[in-house]
mmCIF file of all heavy atoms, coordinates in Angstrom:
data_MODEL
# 
_entry.id   MODEL 
# 
loop_
_atom_site.group_PDB 
_atom_site.id 
_atom_site.type_symbol 
_atom_site.label_atom_id 
_atom_site.label_alt_id 
_atom_site.label_comp_id 
_atom_site.label_asym_id 
_atom_site.label_entity_id 
_atom_site.label_seq_id 
_atom_site.pdbx_PDB_ins_code 
_atom_site.Cartn_x 
_atom_site.Cartn_y 
_atom_site.Cartn_z 
_atom_site.occupancy 
_atom_site.B_iso_or_equiv 
_atom_site.pdbx_formal_charge 
_atom_site.auth_seq_id 
_atom_site.auth_comp_id 
_atom_site.auth_asym_id 
_atom_site.auth_atom_id 
_atom_site.pdbx_PDB_model_num 
ATOM 1   N N   . ASP A 1 1  ? 0.930   -1.133  -0.040 1.00 0.00 ? 1  ASP A N   1 
ATOM 2   C CA  . ASP A 1 1  ? 0.012   0.020   0.031  1.00 0.00 ? 1  ASP A CA  1 
ATOM 3   C C   . ASP A 1 1  ? 0.860   1.242   0.045  1.00 0.00 ? 1  ASP A C   1 
ATOM 4   O O   . ASP A 1 1  ? 1.895   1.265   0.722  1.00 0.00 ? 1  ASP A O   1 
ATOM 5   C CB  . ASP A 1 1  ? -0.980  -0.005  1.209  1.00 0.00 ? 1  ASP A CB  1 
ATOM 6   C CG  . ASP A 1 1  ? -2.051  -0.977  1.192  1.00 0.00 ? 1  ASP A CG  1 
ATOM 7   O OD1 . ASP A 1 1  ? -2.149  -1.598  -0.047 1.00 0.00 ? 1  ASP A OD1 1 
ATOM 8   O OD2 . ASP A 1 1  ? -2.842  -1.039  2.138  1.00 0.00 ? 1  ASP A OD2 1 
ATOM 9   N N   . ASP A 1 2  ? 0.513   2.333   -0.826 1.00 0.00 ? 2  ASP A N   1 
ATOM 10  C CA  . ASP A 1 2  ? 1.152   3.519   -0.771 1.00 0.00 ? 2  ASP A CA  1 
ATOM 11  C C   . ASP A 1 2  ? 1.071   4.240   0.446  1.00 0.00 ? 2  ASP A C   1 
ATOM 12  O O   . ASP A 1 2  ? 0.054   4.179   1.129  1.00 0.00 ? 2  ASP A O   1 
ATOM 13  C CB  . ASP A 1 2  ? 0.621   4.366   -1.967 1.00 0.00 ? 2  ASP A CB  1 
ATOM 14  C CG  . ASP A 1 2  ? 1.418   5.659   -2.137 1.00 0.00 ? 2  ASP A CG  1 
ATOM 15  O OD1 . ASP A 1 2  ? 2.468   5.564   -2.759 1.00 0.00 ? 2  ASP A OD1 1 
ATOM 16  O OD2 . ASP A 1 2  ? 1.068   6.747   -1.518 1.00 0.00 ? 2  ASP A OD2 1 
ATOM 17  N N   . GLN A 1 3  ? 2.191   4.876   0.919  1.00 0.00 ? 3  GLN A N   1 
ATOM 18  C CA  . GLN A 1 3  ? 2.233   5.584   2.217  1.00 0.00 ? 3  GLN A CA  1 
ATOM 19  C C   . GLN A 1 3  ? 1.211   6.717   2.332  1.00 0.00 ? 3  GLN A C   1 
ATOM 20  O O   . GLN A 1 3  ? 0.725   6.974   3.464  1.00 0.00 ? 3  GLN A O   1 
ATOM 21  C CB  . GLN A 1 3  ? 3.648   5.995   2.460  1.00 0.00 ? 3  GLN A CB  1 
ATOM 22  C CG  . GLN A 1 3  ? 4.169   7.116   1.634  1.00 0.00 ? 3  GLN A CG  1 
ATOM 23  C CD  . GLN A 1 3  ? 5.462   7.644   1.922  1.00 0.00 ? 3  GLN A CD  1 
ATOM 24  O OE1 . GLN A 1 3  ? 6.126   6.910   2.761  1.00 0.00 ? 3  GLN A OE1 1 
ATOM 25  N NE2 . GLN A 1 3  ? 5.905   8.774   1.388  1.00 0.00 ? 3  GLN A NE2 1 
ATOM 26  N N   . GLU A 1 4  ? 0.867   7.295   1.224  1.00 0.00 ? 4  GLU A N   1 
ATOM 27  C CA  . GLU A 1 4  ? -0.093  8.375   1.241  1.00 0.00 ? 4  GLU A CA  1 
ATOM 28  C C   . GLU A 1 4  ? -1.532  7.737   1.528  1.00 0.00 ? 4  GLU A C   1 
ATOM 29  O O   . GLU A 1 4  ? -2.247  8.373   2.358  1.00 0.00 ? 4  GLU A O   1 
ATOM 30  C CB  . GLU A 1 4  ? -0.233  9.024   -0.141 1.00 0.00 ? 4  GLU A CB  1 
ATOM 31  C CG  . GLU A 1 4  ? 0.868   10.044  -0.376 1.00 0.00 ? 4  GLU A CG  1 
ATOM 32  C CD  . GLU A 1 4  ? 0.617   11.075  -1.493 1.00 0.00 ? 4  GLU A CD  1 
ATOM 33  O OE1 . GLU A 1 4  ? -0.166  11.987  -1.383 1.00 0.00 ? 4  GLU A OE1 1 
ATOM 34  O OE2 . GLU A 1 4  ? 1.165   10.748  -2.587 1.00 0.00 ? 4  GLU A OE2 1 
ATOM 35  N N   . GLU A 1 5  ? -1.757  6.601   1.019  1.00 0.00 ? 5  GLU A N   1 
ATOM 36  C CA  . GLU A 1 5  ? -2.970  5.835   1.347  1.00 0.00 ? 5  GLU A CA  1 
ATOM 37  C C   . GLU A 1 5  ? -3.089  5.485   2.820  1.00 0.00 ? 5  GLU A C   1 
ATOM 38  O O   . GLU A 1 5  ? -4.121  5.632   3.452  1.00 0.00 ? 5  GLU A O   1 
ATOM 39  C CB  . GLU A 1 5  ? -3.247  4.613   0.480  1.00 0.00 ? 5  GLU A CB  1 
ATOM 40  C CG  . GLU A 1 5  ? -3.236  4.874   -1.051 1.00 0.00 ? 5  GLU A CG  1 
ATOM 41  C CD  . GLU A 1 5  ? -4.505  5.722   -1.541 1.00 0.00 ? 5  GLU A CD  1 
ATOM 42  O OE1 . GLU A 1 5  ? -5.477  5.545   -0.698 1.00 0.00 ? 5  GLU A OE1 1 
ATOM 43  O OE2 . GLU A 1 5  ? -4.483  6.263   -2.468 1.00 0.00 ? 5  GLU A OE2 1 
ATOM 44  N N   . VAL A 1 6  ? -1.956  5.122   3.350  1.00 0.00 ? 6  VAL A N   1 
ATOM 45  C CA  . VAL A 1 6  ? -1.911  4.695   4.736  1.00 0.00 ? 6  VAL A CA  1 
ATOM 46  C C   . VAL A 1 6  ? -2.064  5.902   5.689  1.00 0.00 ? 6  VAL A C   1 
ATOM 47  O O   . VAL A 1 6  ? -2.840  5.868   6.659  1.00 0.00 ? 6  VAL A O   1 
ATOM 48  C CB  . VAL A 1 6  ? -0.640  4.094   5.032  1.00 0.00 ? 6  VAL A CB  1 
ATOM 49  C CG1 . VAL A 1 6  ? -0.431  3.747   6.522  1.00 0.00 ? 6  VAL A CG1 1 
ATOM 50  C CG2 . VAL A 1 6  ? -0.322  2.829   4.288  1.00 0.00 ? 6  VAL A CG2 1 
ATOM 51  N N   . ALA A 1 7  ? -1.475  7.083   5.270  1.00 0.00 ? 7  ALA A N   1 
ATOM 52  C CA  . ALA A 1 7  ? -1.721  8.345   5.945  1.00 0.00 ? 7  ALA A CA  1 
ATOM 53  C C   . ALA A 1 7  ? -3.118  8.756   6.035  1.00 0.00 ? 7  ALA A C   1 
ATOM 54  O O   . ALA A 1 7  ? -3.641  9.315   7.067  1.00 0.00 ? 7  ALA A O   1 
ATOM 55  C CB  . ALA A 1 7  ? -0.782  9.451   5.380  1.00 0.00 ? 7  ALA A CB  1 
ATOM 56  N N   . ARG A 1 8  ? -3.824  8.645   4.898  1.00 0.00 ? 8  ARG A N   1 
ATOM 57  C CA  . ARG A 1 8  ? -5.232  9.074   4.785  1.00 0.00 ? 8  ARG A CA  1 
ATOM 58  C C   . ARG A 1 8  ? -6.030  8.109   5.719  1.00 0.00 ? 8  ARG A C   1 
ATOM 59  O O   . ARG A 1 8  ? -7.157  8.462   6.346  1.00 0.00 ? 8  ARG A O   1 
ATOM 60  C CB  . ARG A 1 8  ? -5.841  8.974   3.378  1.00 0.00 ? 8  ARG A CB  1 
ATOM 61  C CG  . ARG A 1 8  ? -5.360  10.132  2.642  1.00 0.00 ? 8  ARG A CG  1 
ATOM 62  C CD  . ARG A 1 8  ? -6.167  10.178  1.341  1.00 0.00 ? 8  ARG A CD  1 
ATOM 63  N NE  . ARG A 1 8  ? -5.578  9.347   0.245  1.00 0.00 ? 8  ARG A NE  1 
ATOM 64  C CZ  . ARG A 1 8  ? -4.523  9.724   -0.554 1.00 0.00 ? 8  ARG A CZ  1 
ATOM 65  N NH1 . ARG A 1 8  ? -4.114  11.046  -0.542 1.00 0.00 ? 8  ARG A NH1 1 
ATOM 66  N NH2 . ARG A 1 8  ? -4.055  8.919   -1.361 1.00 0.00 ? 8  ARG A NH2 1 
ATOM 67  N N   . LEU A 1 9  ? -5.720  6.815   5.750  1.00 0.00 ? 9  LEU A N   1 
ATOM 68  C CA  . LEU A 1 9  ? -6.343  5.959   6.626  1.00 0.00 ? 9  LEU A CA  1 
ATOM 69  C C   . LEU A 1 9  ? -6.320  6.309   8.089  1.00 0.00 ? 9  LEU A C   1 
ATOM 70  O O   . LEU A 1 9  ? -7.341  6.352   8.910  1.00 0.00 ? 9  LEU A O   1 
ATOM 71  C CB  . LEU A 1 9  ? -5.821  4.501   6.495  1.00 0.00 ? 9  LEU A CB  1 
ATOM 72  C CG  . LEU A 1 9  ? -6.542  3.408   7.333  1.00 0.00 ? 9  LEU A CG  1 
ATOM 73  C CD1 . LEU A 1 9  ? -7.851  3.184   6.737  1.00 0.00 ? 9  LEU A CD1 1 
ATOM 74  C CD2 . LEU A 1 9  ? -5.675  2.177   7.332  1.00 0.00 ? 9  LEU A CD2 1 
ATOM 75  N N   . PHE A 1 10 ? -5.074  6.750   8.501  1.00 0.00 ? 10 PHE A N   1 
ATOM 76  C CA  . PHE A 1 10 ? -4.925  7.196   9.928  1.00 0.00 ? 10 PHE A CA  1 
ATOM 77  C C   . PHE A 1 10 ? -5.688  8.438   10.169 1.00 0.00 ? 10 PHE A C   1 
ATOM 78  O O   . PHE A 1 10 ? -6.280  8.708   11.198 1.00 0.00 ? 10 PHE A O   1 
ATOM 79  C CB  . PHE A 1 10 ? -3.414  7.499   10.087 1.00 0.00 ? 10 PHE A CB  1 
ATOM 80  C CG  . PHE A 1 10 ? -2.642  6.304   10.622 1.00 0.00 ? 10 PHE A CG  1 
ATOM 81  C CD1 . PHE A 1 10 ? -2.413  5.116   9.820  1.00 0.00 ? 10 PHE A CD1 1 
ATOM 82  C CD2 . PHE A 1 10 ? -2.167  6.282   11.892 1.00 0.00 ? 10 PHE A CD2 1 
ATOM 83  C CE1 . PHE A 1 10 ? -1.775  4.124   10.253 1.00 0.00 ? 10 PHE A CE1 1 
ATOM 84  C CE2 . PHE A 1 10 ? -1.417  5.164   12.397 1.00 0.00 ? 10 PHE A CE2 1 
ATOM 85  C CZ  . PHE A 1 10 ? -1.184  4.032   11.482 1.00 0.00 ? 10 PHE A CZ  1 
ATOM 86  N N   . GLU A 1 11 ? -5.694  9.397   9.165  1.00 0.00 ? 11 GLU A N   1 
ATOM 87  C CA  . GLU A 1 11 ? -6.333  10.592  9.373  1.00 0.00 ? 11 GLU A CA  1 
ATOM 88  C C   . GLU A 1 11 ? -7.820  10.412  9.516  1.00 0.00 ? 11 GLU A C   1 
ATOM 89  O O   . GLU A 1 11 ? -8.638  11.032  10.247 1.00 0.00 ? 11 GLU A O   1 
ATOM 90  C CB  . GLU A 1 11 ? -6.063  11.527  8.133  1.00 0.00 ? 11 GLU A CB  1 
ATOM 91  C CG  . GLU A 1 11 ? -6.768  12.927  8.306  1.00 0.00 ? 11 GLU A CG  1 
ATOM 92  C CD  . GLU A 1 11 ? -6.602  13.826  7.047  1.00 0.00 ? 11 GLU A CD  1 
ATOM 93  O OE1 . GLU A 1 11 ? -6.464  13.115  6.025  1.00 0.00 ? 11 GLU A OE1 1 
ATOM 94  O OE2 . GLU A 1 11 ? -6.622  14.964  7.119  1.00 0.00 ? 11 GLU A OE2 1 
ATOM 95  N N   . ARG A 1 12 ? -8.379  9.490   8.567  1.00 0.00 ? 12 ARG A N   1 
ATOM 96  C CA  . ARG A 1 12 ? -9.888  9.331   8.418  1.00 0.00 ? 12 ARG A CA  1 
ATOM 97  C C   . ARG A 1 12 ? -10.438 8.691   9.742  1.00 0.00 ? 12 ARG A C   1 
ATOM 98  O O   . ARG A 1 12 ? -11.476 9.054   10.263 1.00 0.00 ? 12 ARG A O   1 
ATOM 99  C CB  . ARG A 1 12 ? -10.143 8.525   7.287  1.00 0.00 ? 12 ARG A CB  1 
ATOM 100 C CG  . ARG A 1 12 ? -11.645 8.362   6.997  1.00 0.00 ? 12 ARG A CG  1 
ATOM 101 C CD  . ARG A 1 12 ? -11.840 7.528   5.723  1.00 0.00 ? 12 ARG A CD  1 
ATOM 102 N NE  . ARG A 1 12 ? -11.196 8.103   4.538  1.00 0.00 ? 12 ARG A NE  1 
ATOM 103 C CZ  . ARG A 1 12 ? -10.390 7.561   3.811  1.00 0.00 ? 12 ARG A CZ  1 
ATOM 104 N NH1 . ARG A 1 12 ? -9.900  6.359   4.032  1.00 0.00 ? 12 ARG A NH1 1 
ATOM 105 N NH2 . ARG A 1 12 ? -9.875  8.210   2.789  1.00 0.00 ? 12 ARG A NH2 1 
ATOM 106 N N   . TYR A 1 13 ? -9.669  7.761   10.344 1.00 0.00 ? 13 TYR A N   1 
ATOM 107 C CA  . TYR A 1 13 ? -10.146 7.017   11.506 1.00 0.00 ? 13 TYR A CA  1 
ATOM 108 C C   . TYR A 1 13 ? -9.430  7.252   12.811 1.00 0.00 ? 13 TYR A C   1 
ATOM 109 O O   . TYR A 1 13 ? -9.698  6.550   13.752 1.00 0.00 ? 13 TYR A O   1 
ATOM 110 C CB  . TYR A 1 13 ? -10.122 5.433   11.149 1.00 0.00 ? 13 TYR A CB  1 
ATOM 111 C CG  . TYR A 1 13 ? -10.926 5.118   9.997  1.00 0.00 ? 13 TYR A CG  1 
ATOM 112 C CD1 . TYR A 1 13 ? -10.388 4.767   8.810  1.00 0.00 ? 13 TYR A CD1 1 
ATOM 113 C CD2 . TYR A 1 13 ? -12.348 5.120   10.063 1.00 0.00 ? 13 TYR A CD2 1 
ATOM 114 C CE1 . TYR A 1 13 ? -11.079 4.431   7.688  1.00 0.00 ? 13 TYR A CE1 1 
ATOM 115 C CE2 . TYR A 1 13 ? -13.055 4.924   9.007  1.00 0.00 ? 13 TYR A CE2 1 
ATOM 116 C CZ  . TYR A 1 13 ? -12.521 4.488   7.736  1.00 0.00 ? 13 TYR A CZ  1 
ATOM 117 O OH  . TYR A 1 13 ? -13.289 4.131   6.626  1.00 0.00 ? 13 TYR A OH  1 
ATOM 118 N N   . ASN A 1 14 ? -8.694  8.397   12.766 1.00 0.00 ? 14 ASN A N   1 
ATOM 119 C CA  . ASN A 1 14 ? -7.885  8.720   14.050 1.00 0.00 ? 14 ASN A CA  1 
ATOM 120 C C   . ASN A 1 14 ? -7.123  7.590   14.750 1.00 0.00 ? 14 ASN A C   1 
ATOM 121 O O   . ASN A 1 14 ? -7.265  7.329   15.838 1.00 0.00 ? 14 ASN A O   1 
ATOM 122 C CB  . ASN A 1 14 ? -8.857  9.350   15.026 1.00 0.00 ? 14 ASN A CB  1 
ATOM 123 C CG  . ASN A 1 14 ? -9.518  10.569  14.507 1.00 0.00 ? 14 ASN A CG  1 
ATOM 124 O OD1 . ASN A 1 14 ? -8.890  11.478  13.888 1.00 0.00 ? 14 ASN A OD1 1 
ATOM 125 N ND2 . ASN A 1 14 ? -10.813 10.757  14.802 1.00 0.00 ? 14 ASN A ND2 1 
ATOM 126 N N   . LEU A 1 15 ? -6.304  6.849   13.885 1.00 0.00 ? 15 LEU A N   1 
ATOM 127 C CA  . LEU A 1 15 ? -5.598  5.721   14.301 1.00 0.00 ? 15 LEU A CA  1 
ATOM 128 C C   . LEU A 1 15 ? -4.354  6.084   15.086 1.00 0.00 ? 15 LEU A C   1 
ATOM 129 O O   . LEU A 1 15 ? -3.747  7.082   14.760 1.00 0.00 ? 15 LEU A O   1 
ATOM 130 C CB  . LEU A 1 15 ? -5.281  4.715   13.140 1.00 0.00 ? 15 LEU A CB  1 
ATOM 131 C CG  . LEU A 1 15 ? -6.470  4.276   12.358 1.00 0.00 ? 15 LEU A CG  1 
ATOM 132 C CD1 . LEU A 1 15 ? -5.949  3.295   11.224 1.00 0.00 ? 15 LEU A CD1 1 
ATOM 133 C CD2 . LEU A 1 15 ? -7.491  3.594   13.118 1.00 0.00 ? 15 LEU A CD2 1 
ATOM 134 N N   . VAL A 1 16 ? -4.074  5.282   15.970 1.00 0.00 ? 16 VAL A N   1 
ATOM 135 C CA  . VAL A 1 16 ? -2.661  5.328   16.690 1.00 0.00 ? 16 VAL A CA  1 
ATOM 136 C C   . VAL A 1 16 ? -1.670  4.520   16.042 1.00 0.00 ? 16 VAL A C   1 
ATOM 137 O O   . VAL A 1 16 ? -0.565  4.896   15.990 1.00 0.00 ? 16 VAL A O   1 
ATOM 138 C CB  . VAL A 1 16 ? -2.793  5.104   18.191 1.00 0.00 ? 16 VAL A CB  1 
ATOM 139 C CG1 . VAL A 1 16 ? -1.542  5.214   18.837 1.00 0.00 ? 16 VAL A CG1 1 
ATOM 140 C CG2 . VAL A 1 16 ? -3.827  6.053   18.780 1.00 0.00 ? 16 VAL A CG2 1 
ATOM 141 N N   . SER A 1 17 ? -2.135  3.313   15.641 1.00 0.00 ? 17 SER A N   1 
ATOM 142 C CA  . SER A 1 17 ? -1.236  2.376   14.991 1.00 0.00 ? 17 SER A CA  1 
ATOM 143 C C   . SER A 1 17 ? -2.149  1.465   14.114 1.00 0.00 ? 17 SER A C   1 
ATOM 144 O O   . SER A 1 17 ? -3.395  1.372   14.270 1.00 0.00 ? 17 SER A O   1 
ATOM 145 C CB  . SER A 1 17 ? -0.426  1.518   15.824 1.00 0.00 ? 17 SER A CB  1 
ATOM 146 O OG  . SER A 1 17 ? -1.323  0.788   16.829 1.00 0.00 ? 17 SER A OG  1 
ATOM 147 N N   . ALA A 1 18 ? -1.486  0.781   13.095 1.00 0.00 ? 18 ALA A N   1 
ATOM 148 C CA  . ALA A 1 18 ? -2.285  -0.032  12.389 1.00 0.00 ? 18 ALA A CA  1 
ATOM 149 C C   . ALA A 1 18 ? -1.401  -1.276  11.893 1.00 0.00 ? 18 ALA A C   1 
ATOM 150 O O   . ALA A 1 18 ? -0.195  -1.171  11.594 1.00 0.00 ? 18 ALA A O   1 
ATOM 151 C CB  . ALA A 1 18 ? -2.685  0.715   10.938 1.00 0.00 ? 18 ALA A CB  1 
ATOM 152 N N   . PRO A 1 19 ? -1.949  -2.479  11.816 1.00 0.00 ? 19 PRO A N   1 
ATOM 153 C CA  . PRO A 1 19 ? -1.152  -3.569  11.448 1.00 0.00 ? 19 PRO A CA  1 
ATOM 154 C C   . PRO A 1 19 ? -0.873  -3.740  9.905  1.00 0.00 ? 19 PRO A C   1 
ATOM 155 O O   . PRO A 1 19 ? -1.781  -3.188  9.223  1.00 0.00 ? 19 PRO A O   1 
ATOM 156 C CB  . PRO A 1 19 ? -2.027  -4.771  11.940 1.00 0.00 ? 19 PRO A CB  1 
ATOM 157 C CG  . PRO A 1 19 ? -3.380  -4.398  11.773 1.00 0.00 ? 19 PRO A CG  1 
ATOM 158 C CD  . PRO A 1 19 ? -3.354  -2.818  12.266 1.00 0.00 ? 19 PRO A CD  1 
ATOM 159 N N   . VAL A 1 20 ? 0.226   -4.255  9.593  1.00 0.00 ? 20 VAL A N   1 
ATOM 160 C CA  . VAL A 1 20 ? 0.562   -4.459  8.098  1.00 0.00 ? 20 VAL A CA  1 
ATOM 161 C C   . VAL A 1 20 ? 0.537   -5.970  7.902  1.00 0.00 ? 20 VAL A C   1 
ATOM 162 O O   . VAL A 1 20 ? 1.154   -6.725  8.655  1.00 0.00 ? 20 VAL A O   1 
ATOM 163 C CB  . VAL A 1 20 ? 1.972   -3.958  7.837  1.00 0.00 ? 20 VAL A CB  1 
ATOM 164 C CG1 . VAL A 1 20 ? 2.320   -4.125  6.449  1.00 0.00 ? 20 VAL A CG1 1 
ATOM 165 C CG2 . VAL A 1 20 ? 2.228   -2.489  8.298  1.00 0.00 ? 20 VAL A CG2 1 
ATOM 166 N N   . LEU A 1 21 ? -0.255  -6.335  6.889  1.00 0.00 ? 21 LEU A N   1 
ATOM 167 C CA  . LEU A 1 21 ? -0.564  -7.706  6.619  1.00 0.00 ? 21 LEU A CA  1 
ATOM 168 C C   . LEU A 1 21 ? 0.125   -8.004  5.172  1.00 0.00 ? 21 LEU A C   1 
ATOM 169 O O   . LEU A 1 21 ? 0.099   -7.306  4.364  1.00 0.00 ? 21 LEU A O   1 
ATOM 170 C CB  . LEU A 1 21 ? -2.006  -7.957  6.556  1.00 0.00 ? 21 LEU A CB  1 
ATOM 171 C CG  . LEU A 1 21 ? -2.910  -7.456  7.617  1.00 0.00 ? 21 LEU A CG  1 
ATOM 172 C CD1 . LEU A 1 21 ? -4.348  -7.896  7.534  1.00 0.00 ? 21 LEU A CD1 1 
ATOM 173 C CD2 . LEU A 1 21 ? -2.337  -7.961  9.048  1.00 0.00 ? 21 LEU A CD2 1 
ATOM 174 N N   . ASP A 1 22 ? 0.530   -9.275  5.115  1.00 0.00 ? 22 ASP A N   1 
ATOM 175 C CA  . ASP A 1 22 ? 1.143   -9.791  3.863  1.00 0.00 ? 22 ASP A CA  1 
ATOM 176 C C   . ASP A 1 22 ? 0.040   -10.387 2.946  1.00 0.00 ? 22 ASP A C   1 
ATOM 177 O O   . ASP A 1 22 ? -1.164  -10.200 3.280  1.00 0.00 ? 22 ASP A O   1 
ATOM 178 C CB  . ASP A 1 22 ? 2.232   -10.850 4.080  1.00 0.00 ? 22 ASP A CB  1 
ATOM 179 C CG  . ASP A 1 22 ? 1.656   -12.117 4.860  1.00 0.00 ? 22 ASP A CG  1 
ATOM 180 O OD1 . ASP A 1 22 ? 0.488   -12.281 4.831  1.00 0.00 ? 22 ASP A OD1 1 
ATOM 181 O OD2 . ASP A 1 22 ? 2.504   -12.906 5.222  1.00 0.00 ? 22 ASP A OD2 1 
ATOM 182 N N   . ASP A 1 23 ? 0.331   -10.965 1.885  1.00 0.00 ? 23 ASP A N   1 
ATOM 183 C CA  . ASP A 1 23 ? -0.686  -11.371 0.904  1.00 0.00 ? 23 ASP A CA  1 
ATOM 184 C C   . ASP A 1 23 ? -1.493  -12.563 1.483  1.00 0.00 ? 23 ASP A C   1 
ATOM 185 O O   . ASP A 1 23 ? -2.729  -12.734 1.008  1.00 0.00 ? 23 ASP A O   1 
ATOM 186 C CB  . ASP A 1 23 ? 0.065   -11.919 -0.353 1.00 0.00 ? 23 ASP A CB  1 
ATOM 187 C CG  . ASP A 1 23 ? 0.682   -10.815 -1.134 1.00 0.00 ? 23 ASP A CG  1 
ATOM 188 O OD1 . ASP A 1 23 ? 0.330   -9.656  -1.018 1.00 0.00 ? 23 ASP A OD1 1 
ATOM 189 O OD2 . ASP A 1 23 ? 1.649   -11.131 -1.853 1.00 0.00 ? 23 ASP A OD2 1 
ATOM 190 N N   . ASN A 1 24 ? -1.089  -13.152 2.515  1.00 0.00 ? 24 ASN A N   1 
ATOM 191 C CA  . ASN A 1 24 ? -1.846  -14.279 3.191  1.00 0.00 ? 24 ASN A CA  1 
ATOM 192 C C   . ASN A 1 24 ? -2.570  -13.756 4.416  1.00 0.00 ? 24 ASN A C   1 
ATOM 193 O O   . ASN A 1 24 ? -2.968  -14.591 5.305  1.00 0.00 ? 24 ASN A O   1 
ATOM 194 C CB  . ASN A 1 24 ? -0.979  -15.431 3.505  1.00 0.00 ? 24 ASN A CB  1 
ATOM 195 C CG  . ASN A 1 24 ? -0.303  -16.083 2.351  1.00 0.00 ? 24 ASN A CG  1 
ATOM 196 O OD1 . ASN A 1 24 ? -1.013  -16.272 1.355  1.00 0.00 ? 24 ASN A OD1 1 
ATOM 197 N ND2 . ASN A 1 24 ? 1.008   -16.357 2.398  1.00 0.00 ? 24 ASN A ND2 1 
ATOM 198 N N   . GLU A 1 25 ? -2.597  -12.465 4.529  1.00 0.00 ? 25 GLU A N   1 
ATOM 199 C CA  . GLU A 1 25 ? -3.359  -11.851 5.672  1.00 0.00 ? 25 GLU A CA  1 
ATOM 200 C C   . GLU A 1 25 ? -2.762  -12.029 7.069  1.00 0.00 ? 25 GLU A C   1 
ATOM 201 O O   . GLU A 1 25 ? -3.314  -11.890 8.044  1.00 0.00 ? 25 GLU A O   1 
ATOM 202 C CB  . GLU A 1 25 ? -4.841  -12.252 5.818  1.00 0.00 ? 25 GLU A CB  1 
ATOM 203 C CG  . GLU A 1 25 ? -5.612  -11.978 4.553  1.00 0.00 ? 25 GLU A CG  1 
ATOM 204 C CD  . GLU A 1 25 ? -5.738  -10.449 4.306  1.00 0.00 ? 25 GLU A CD  1 
ATOM 205 O OE1 . GLU A 1 25 ? -6.034  -9.800  5.199  1.00 0.00 ? 25 GLU A OE1 1 
ATOM 206 O OE2 . GLU A 1 25 ? -5.635  -9.970  3.189  1.00 0.00 ? 25 GLU A OE2 1 
ATOM 207 N N   . ARG A 1 26 ? -1.426  -12.457 6.960  1.00 0.00 ? 26 ARG A N   1 
ATOM 208 C CA  . ARG A 1 26 ? -0.676  -12.622 8.272  1.00 0.00 ? 26 ARG A CA  1 
ATOM 209 C C   . ARG A 1 26 ? -0.141  -11.273 8.671  1.00 0.00 ? 26 ARG A C   1 
ATOM 210 O O   . ARG A 1 26 ? 0.484   -10.516 7.744  1.00 0.00 ? 26 ARG A O   1 
ATOM 211 C CB  . ARG A 1 26 ? 0.488   -13.696 7.992  1.00 0.00 ? 26 ARG A CB  1 
ATOM 212 C CG  . ARG A 1 26 ? -0.055  -15.047 7.954  1.00 0.00 ? 26 ARG A CG  1 
ATOM 213 C CD  . ARG A 1 26 ? 1.096   -16.112 8.148  1.00 0.00 ? 26 ARG A CD  1 
ATOM 214 N NE  . ARG A 1 26 ? 2.060   -15.919 7.096  1.00 0.00 ? 26 ARG A NE  1 
ATOM 215 C CZ  . ARG A 1 26 ? 2.110   -16.520 5.933  1.00 0.00 ? 26 ARG A CZ  1 
ATOM 216 N NH1 . ARG A 1 26 ? 1.198   -17.520 5.775  1.00 0.00 ? 26 ARG A NH1 1 
ATOM 217 N NH2 . ARG A 1 26 ? 3.001   -16.380 5.000  1.00 0.00 ? 26 ARG A NH2 1 
ATOM 218 N N   . MET A 1 27 ? 0.001   -10.983 10.022 1.00 0.00 ? 27 MET A N   1 
ATOM 219 C CA  . MET A 1 27 ? 0.586   -9.750  10.373 1.00 0.00 ? 27 MET A CA  1 
ATOM 220 C C   . MET A 1 27 ? 2.175   -9.880  10.355 1.00 0.00 ? 27 MET A C   1 
ATOM 221 O O   . MET A 1 27 ? 2.729   -10.717 11.000 1.00 0.00 ? 27 MET A O   1 
ATOM 222 C CB  . MET A 1 27 ? 0.019   -9.479  11.812 1.00 0.00 ? 27 MET A CB  1 
ATOM 223 C CG  . MET A 1 27 ? 0.334   -8.055  12.342 1.00 0.00 ? 27 MET A CG  1 
ATOM 224 S SD  . MET A 1 27 ? -0.424  -7.564  13.920 1.00 0.00 ? 27 MET A SD  1 
ATOM 225 C CE  . MET A 1 27 ? 0.491   -6.096  14.187 1.00 0.00 ? 27 MET A CE  1 
ATOM 226 N N   . VAL A 1 28 ? 2.685   -8.802  9.669  1.00 0.00 ? 28 VAL A N   1 
ATOM 227 C CA  . VAL A 1 28 ? 4.147   -8.912  9.628  1.00 0.00 ? 28 VAL A CA  1 
ATOM 228 C C   . VAL A 1 28 ? 4.857   -7.554  10.160 1.00 0.00 ? 28 VAL A C   1 
ATOM 229 O O   . VAL A 1 28 ? 5.999   -7.610  10.175 1.00 0.00 ? 28 VAL A O   1 
ATOM 230 C CB  . VAL A 1 28 ? 4.469   -9.116  8.124  1.00 0.00 ? 28 VAL A CB  1 
ATOM 231 C CG1 . VAL A 1 28 ? 4.197   -10.486 7.730  1.00 0.00 ? 28 VAL A CG1 1 
ATOM 232 C CG2 . VAL A 1 28 ? 3.979   -7.967  7.321  1.00 0.00 ? 28 VAL A CG2 1 
ATOM 233 N N   . GLY A 1 29 ? 4.035   -6.602  10.531 1.00 0.00 ? 29 GLY A N   1 
ATOM 234 C CA  . GLY A 1 29 ? 4.574   -5.326  11.012 1.00 0.00 ? 29 GLY A CA  1 
ATOM 235 C C   . GLY A 1 29 ? 3.594   -4.440  11.491 1.00 0.00 ? 29 GLY A C   1 
ATOM 236 O O   . GLY A 1 29 ? 2.398   -4.743  11.408 1.00 0.00 ? 29 GLY A O   1 
# 
């Protein structure tokens, strides 16, 4: 995912952190 899209996600939902998932939906970061 592009970092700008991630930033918009944080802004839209007031997130503090968000998990990063791989193609198999496993959390990697």
